[in-house]
N, C-alpha and C. Protein backbone atom coordinates (compact mmCIF):
# COMPACT_ATOMS: atom_id res chain seq x y z
N MET A 1 -55.87 -20.18 -6.61
CA MET A 1 -55.58 -18.81 -6.95
C MET A 1 -54.49 -18.24 -6.05
N ILE A 2 -54.59 -18.55 -4.77
CA ILE A 2 -53.57 -18.07 -3.84
C ILE A 2 -52.22 -18.72 -4.17
N PHE A 3 -52.29 -19.98 -4.56
CA PHE A 3 -51.05 -20.68 -4.90
C PHE A 3 -50.41 -20.08 -6.15
N LYS A 4 -51.24 -19.65 -7.09
CA LYS A 4 -50.71 -19.04 -8.32
C LYS A 4 -49.99 -17.74 -7.98
N LYS A 5 -50.58 -16.92 -7.12
CA LYS A 5 -49.96 -15.65 -6.73
C LYS A 5 -48.66 -15.89 -5.97
N ALA A 6 -48.71 -16.85 -5.05
CA ALA A 6 -47.51 -17.16 -4.26
C ALA A 6 -46.41 -17.70 -5.17
N PHE A 7 -46.81 -18.59 -6.08
CA PHE A 7 -45.83 -19.17 -7.00
C PHE A 7 -45.24 -18.10 -7.92
N SER A 8 -46.07 -17.21 -8.44
CA SER A 8 -45.56 -16.15 -9.31
C SER A 8 -44.68 -15.18 -8.53
N PHE A 9 -45.06 -14.87 -7.29
CA PHE A 9 -44.23 -14.01 -6.45
C PHE A 9 -42.88 -14.68 -6.19
N PHE A 10 -42.92 -15.97 -5.87
CA PHE A 10 -41.68 -16.72 -5.62
C PHE A 10 -40.83 -16.77 -6.89
N GLY A 11 -41.46 -16.95 -8.03
CA GLY A 11 -40.74 -16.99 -9.31
C GLY A 11 -40.08 -15.65 -9.61
N ILE A 12 -40.81 -14.56 -9.36
CA ILE A 12 -40.26 -13.23 -9.60
C ILE A 12 -39.08 -12.97 -8.66
N ALA A 13 -39.24 -13.38 -7.41
CA ALA A 13 -38.16 -13.18 -6.43
C ALA A 13 -36.91 -13.95 -6.84
N ILE A 14 -37.07 -15.18 -7.28
CA ILE A 14 -35.93 -15.99 -7.74
C ILE A 14 -35.30 -15.36 -8.97
N PHE A 15 -36.12 -14.90 -9.90
CA PHE A 15 -35.62 -14.25 -11.11
C PHE A 15 -34.79 -13.01 -10.77
N LEU A 16 -35.31 -12.16 -9.88
CA LEU A 16 -34.58 -10.96 -9.47
C LEU A 16 -33.28 -11.32 -8.76
N LEU A 17 -33.34 -12.36 -7.94
CA LEU A 17 -32.14 -12.80 -7.24
C LEU A 17 -31.07 -13.26 -8.24
N ILE A 18 -31.47 -14.01 -9.24
CA ILE A 18 -30.53 -14.48 -10.25
C ILE A 18 -29.94 -13.31 -11.03
N ILE A 19 -30.75 -12.32 -11.33
CA ILE A 19 -30.29 -11.15 -12.10
C ILE A 19 -29.38 -10.25 -11.26
N LEU A 20 -29.74 -10.02 -10.00
CA LEU A 20 -29.04 -9.02 -9.18
C LEU A 20 -27.85 -9.57 -8.39
N LEU A 21 -27.82 -10.85 -8.11
CA LEU A 21 -26.77 -11.41 -7.27
C LEU A 21 -25.36 -11.24 -7.86
N PRO A 22 -25.13 -11.51 -9.14
CA PRO A 22 -23.77 -11.31 -9.67
C PRO A 22 -23.32 -9.84 -9.58
N GLY A 23 -24.24 -8.92 -9.83
CA GLY A 23 -23.89 -7.51 -9.72
C GLY A 23 -23.56 -7.12 -8.29
N TYR A 24 -24.32 -7.64 -7.35
CA TYR A 24 -24.07 -7.35 -5.94
C TYR A 24 -22.73 -7.93 -5.50
N THR A 25 -22.43 -9.14 -5.94
CA THR A 25 -21.15 -9.77 -5.61
C THR A 25 -20.00 -8.95 -6.18
N LYS A 26 -20.13 -8.52 -7.41
CA LYS A 26 -19.09 -7.69 -8.05
C LYS A 26 -18.92 -6.37 -7.30
N LEU A 27 -20.03 -5.77 -6.88
CA LEU A 27 -19.98 -4.53 -6.12
C LEU A 27 -19.21 -4.71 -4.82
N GLN A 28 -19.46 -5.81 -4.13
CA GLN A 28 -18.75 -6.08 -2.87
C GLN A 28 -17.25 -6.29 -3.11
N GLU A 29 -16.91 -6.99 -4.19
CA GLU A 29 -15.50 -7.19 -4.53
C GLU A 29 -14.82 -5.86 -4.81
N LEU A 30 -15.50 -4.99 -5.55
CA LEU A 30 -14.93 -3.67 -5.87
C LEU A 30 -14.80 -2.80 -4.62
N LYS A 31 -15.75 -2.90 -3.70
CA LYS A 31 -15.65 -2.16 -2.44
C LYS A 31 -14.44 -2.63 -1.63
N ASP A 32 -14.24 -3.96 -1.58
CA ASP A 32 -13.08 -4.51 -0.87
C ASP A 32 -11.77 -4.05 -1.51
N LYS A 33 -11.72 -4.09 -2.83
CA LYS A 33 -10.53 -3.66 -3.54
C LYS A 33 -10.28 -2.17 -3.30
N ASN A 34 -11.34 -1.37 -3.32
CA ASN A 34 -11.21 0.06 -3.06
C ASN A 34 -10.68 0.32 -1.66
N ARG A 35 -11.18 -0.42 -0.68
CA ARG A 35 -10.72 -0.28 0.70
C ARG A 35 -9.22 -0.62 0.80
N ASP A 36 -8.82 -1.70 0.14
CA ASP A 36 -7.41 -2.09 0.14
C ASP A 36 -6.54 -1.01 -0.51
N LEU A 37 -7.01 -0.46 -1.62
CA LEU A 37 -6.24 0.58 -2.30
C LEU A 37 -6.17 1.86 -1.47
N GLU A 38 -7.24 2.19 -0.75
CA GLU A 38 -7.20 3.37 0.12
C GLU A 38 -6.19 3.19 1.24
N THR A 39 -6.12 1.98 1.79
CA THR A 39 -5.13 1.68 2.83
C THR A 39 -3.72 1.80 2.26
N LYS A 40 -3.53 1.29 1.06
CA LYS A 40 -2.22 1.38 0.41
C LYS A 40 -1.85 2.83 0.14
N ILE A 41 -2.82 3.64 -0.28
CA ILE A 41 -2.56 5.05 -0.54
C ILE A 41 -2.13 5.76 0.75
N LYS A 42 -2.81 5.46 1.86
CA LYS A 42 -2.44 6.07 3.15
C LYS A 42 -1.00 5.70 3.52
N TYR A 43 -0.66 4.40 3.36
CA TYR A 43 0.68 3.94 3.67
C TYR A 43 1.71 4.65 2.78
N LEU A 44 1.41 4.76 1.49
CA LEU A 44 2.35 5.40 0.57
C LEU A 44 2.48 6.90 0.85
N ASN A 45 1.39 7.55 1.27
CA ASN A 45 1.48 8.96 1.64
C ASN A 45 2.38 9.17 2.85
N ILE A 46 2.26 8.27 3.83
CA ILE A 46 3.14 8.35 5.01
C ILE A 46 4.59 8.12 4.60
N GLU A 47 4.82 7.10 3.78
CA GLU A 47 6.17 6.82 3.31
C GLU A 47 6.73 8.00 2.51
N ASN A 48 5.90 8.61 1.69
CA ASN A 48 6.32 9.76 0.90
C ASN A 48 6.71 10.93 1.80
N ALA A 49 5.91 11.18 2.84
CA ALA A 49 6.22 12.27 3.77
C ALA A 49 7.55 12.02 4.48
N LEU A 50 7.79 10.76 4.89
CA LEU A 50 9.06 10.43 5.54
C LEU A 50 10.24 10.62 4.59
N LEU A 51 10.06 10.23 3.34
CA LEU A 51 11.13 10.41 2.36
C LEU A 51 11.37 11.89 2.07
N GLN A 52 10.32 12.69 2.07
CA GLN A 52 10.48 14.14 1.88
C GLN A 52 11.28 14.75 3.04
N GLN A 53 10.99 14.30 4.27
CA GLN A 53 11.75 14.77 5.43
C GLN A 53 13.21 14.36 5.30
N GLU A 54 13.45 13.14 4.88
CA GLU A 54 14.81 12.64 4.70
C GLU A 54 15.55 13.48 3.65
N LEU A 55 14.87 13.78 2.56
CA LEU A 55 15.47 14.58 1.50
C LEU A 55 15.83 15.98 2.00
N LYS A 56 14.91 16.61 2.73
CA LYS A 56 15.20 17.94 3.27
C LYS A 56 16.39 17.90 4.22
N ARG A 57 16.45 16.85 5.02
CA ARG A 57 17.58 16.72 5.96
C ARG A 57 18.89 16.53 5.20
N ILE A 58 18.86 15.72 4.17
CA ILE A 58 20.07 15.49 3.38
C ILE A 58 20.52 16.79 2.72
N GLU A 59 19.57 17.56 2.20
CA GLU A 59 19.91 18.79 1.50
C GLU A 59 20.43 19.89 2.44
N SER A 60 19.99 19.88 3.69
CA SER A 60 20.31 21.00 4.57
C SER A 60 21.31 20.69 5.69
N ASP A 61 21.58 19.42 5.97
CA ASP A 61 22.44 19.07 7.11
C ASP A 61 23.76 18.45 6.61
N PRO A 62 24.85 19.23 6.63
CA PRO A 62 26.13 18.70 6.12
C PRO A 62 26.67 17.53 6.95
N ILE A 63 26.39 17.51 8.22
CA ILE A 63 26.86 16.39 9.06
C ILE A 63 26.14 15.11 8.65
N TYR A 64 24.85 15.21 8.37
CA TYR A 64 24.08 14.05 7.92
C TYR A 64 24.54 13.61 6.54
N GLN A 65 24.87 14.57 5.68
CA GLN A 65 25.40 14.24 4.35
C GLN A 65 26.68 13.42 4.49
N GLU A 66 27.55 13.85 5.39
CA GLU A 66 28.81 13.13 5.59
C GLU A 66 28.55 11.73 6.13
N LYS A 67 27.63 11.62 7.06
CA LYS A 67 27.30 10.31 7.63
C LYS A 67 26.82 9.35 6.54
N ILE A 68 25.94 9.83 5.68
CA ILE A 68 25.42 8.98 4.60
C ILE A 68 26.54 8.61 3.63
N ALA A 69 27.37 9.58 3.29
CA ALA A 69 28.47 9.30 2.36
C ALA A 69 29.41 8.26 2.95
N ARG A 70 29.69 8.34 4.23
CA ARG A 70 30.59 7.37 4.86
C ARG A 70 29.96 5.99 4.96
N GLU A 71 28.69 5.93 5.40
CA GLU A 71 28.05 4.63 5.64
C GLU A 71 27.64 3.92 4.35
N ARG A 72 27.04 4.65 3.44
CA ARG A 72 26.47 4.01 2.26
C ARG A 72 27.42 3.95 1.08
N MET A 73 28.32 4.93 1.00
CA MET A 73 29.18 5.00 -0.18
C MET A 73 30.63 4.68 0.12
N GLY A 74 30.98 4.53 1.39
CA GLY A 74 32.35 4.19 1.76
C GLY A 74 33.33 5.33 1.58
N VAL A 75 32.87 6.55 1.59
CA VAL A 75 33.74 7.72 1.40
C VAL A 75 34.55 7.94 2.68
N VAL A 76 35.83 8.28 2.50
CA VAL A 76 36.70 8.59 3.64
C VAL A 76 37.34 9.96 3.40
N ARG A 77 37.75 10.57 4.49
CA ARG A 77 38.45 11.86 4.38
C ARG A 77 39.89 11.63 3.96
N LYS A 78 40.48 12.69 3.46
CA LYS A 78 41.88 12.63 3.05
C LYS A 78 42.73 12.30 4.29
N GLY A 79 43.58 11.30 4.14
CA GLY A 79 44.46 10.90 5.23
C GLY A 79 43.89 9.78 6.08
N GLU A 80 42.61 9.49 5.98
CA GLU A 80 42.01 8.40 6.75
C GLU A 80 42.29 7.07 6.05
N ILE A 81 42.40 6.05 6.84
CA ILE A 81 42.61 4.71 6.30
C ILE A 81 41.33 3.91 6.54
N PRO A 82 40.66 3.49 5.48
CA PRO A 82 39.42 2.72 5.68
C PRO A 82 39.71 1.31 6.17
N ILE A 83 38.94 0.88 7.13
CA ILE A 83 39.08 -0.48 7.68
C ILE A 83 37.72 -1.15 7.52
N LYS A 84 37.75 -2.31 6.90
CA LYS A 84 36.51 -3.06 6.72
C LYS A 84 36.56 -4.29 7.60
N ILE A 85 35.57 -4.43 8.45
CA ILE A 85 35.51 -5.57 9.36
C ILE A 85 34.60 -6.62 8.72
N ILE A 86 35.16 -7.80 8.55
CA ILE A 86 34.42 -8.90 7.94
C ILE A 86 34.04 -9.86 9.06
N PRO A 87 32.75 -10.09 9.29
CA PRO A 87 32.35 -10.99 10.36
C PRO A 87 32.71 -12.44 10.04
N GLU A 88 33.03 -13.17 11.10
CA GLU A 88 33.37 -14.59 10.92
C GLU A 88 32.11 -15.37 10.61
N LYS A 89 32.27 -16.40 9.81
CA LYS A 89 31.10 -17.22 9.43
C LYS A 89 30.95 -18.42 10.32
């Protein structure tokens, strides 16, 4: 009689484990994915804030505008002669 109870308890425990284990595994995977996405969101929020600062600086600082135009777009003032230095290979 004791063996029957122990066996049935063991059987029920195994049955519950088989039923609940895939769900628990999936839950853990989703928690990990959520944690990764939260980290990515934090990184993107920081990057967004830095880009907003850059945009405000570009819009309000004429010296910075000129620097960007010269460095990134190759713009020169009237009368200036552009010189491009090509590094040796």
